C-alpha cells in the first residue's frame, strides 16, 4: 500500500504542474487575443488549432492514446478561446440530438450552442453572422444523404469549413422500467429505420410515431406513461429516462457525417477534401465528360449525388466530394476545365478530412 500512496503523491504533483502550465498557457492565449484585437484579425483560427493537434500527435510517444489526447486538447482549446470570446455554434436541436453531440465533440464544452429546429435557419444564422459556425447532418452510412442539407447549398453563401464523423448508437429510453409496459415509440424517421429489425423482434406491433428529432422524442416520452423514445444516452440523462436497451441499431457500422459551415475558408492541411456543385447541359455523355478531368488529374472522387433544380423542371445539380485542396495544382486545373464545360459551378469549400 505504501507503494500505491507514493505513486498517488507523484500523480498529485504532476496534476499540480499540469494546472500551473494550463494557467500559463491561458495567460499567453489572452495576450495573443489582445494582439489580434489590435490587428483586427479573426479571433478564431481553426488552422492553428489543427496545427497544434497534428504536432502533438506527431510527437506523442505514449502511452497516452492519441484519440484521448485530441479530446483533451479540444477542451483546452475551447476553454482558452472562451477567455477571449466563446464560439457560438448553431446546430439542429434541441439539446442532446446527435448533431448537438457532434458539435460538442468538435468545439468543446466551452462554446455557446444555439439550437434550431430547421436546417435553413442554421444556414441563415451563419450567413448573417449571428453565429460563428453551424453544424448540419449531411449523410448516414445506413440511410444515405440528407437531401434538404444538399438543397440549401445551392442558394447559400456559406463555406464548408470541416466535417465530423460520429458513430451513432441508438437506445430505447422510457419513464417505464420494463419493456413490457411500452405502448408507443417516438423518434425521428431515420433512427426508426435504423432499428427496424430490432423493433420487429423485440417490440412487434408497437406503433412508431415520427417527430422532429431524437431529443424531442425523449422529451415527449418523459411526459407520457407507456411511451418510449429511440435516442442517445445523453438524452436519457437530460430528460431523466431509463435506458431499457442499448445499441439497438440493426447495423453496428452506423455513422453519420456532419458538415461544419461558416464564412471562413480553410487553408491546406495534410489531408484535405473539396466539395463542389455543378449543373450540366442536358445531353448524351454530359456527366461522363465532367468526370474525365478528375481521372486525368488523378483525383479520387469520394461522393457524387444528384438533386433536381427547384427552379427548372428536369434539370439537375450534382454535388461532388473529392480528395485534395482547391489550392492543389491538379485540383485547380480540374476546376478550370470544368468551368468551361458546365452551366454552373460553385466551390463549397476545401477542408481537412475527419480523422
Foldseek 3Di string as FASTA:
>chain_A
DVVVVVVVVVVVVVVVVVVVVLVVVLVVLVVVLVVCVVVVHDLDDVVVVVVVLVVCVVPDPDPPDSVVVNQVVLQSVQVSSVVNPAFEEEEADDPQFVQNVQVCSRRNDNHHYDHDLDPLVRLVCQQVVVGAKYKYFAAKPPPGGPVVNVLSVVPGPKAFAAKTKDQDKKFKWAQDQDLVLAQEEEAAVVQCVQQVVLCCVPPNPRYYDHDSHQLVRLQVRLVDGNYIYIHDPVSCVVSVIDGNGIRNGPDSRMMIMMTMIHHDADDDDPKKKWKKKFWADPDPCLVVVLCVLCVVLVKAWDDKDWDDDPVDPPTIMIMTMIIDACPDPSNVVSVVVVVVGTPDMDTRHMYHYYD
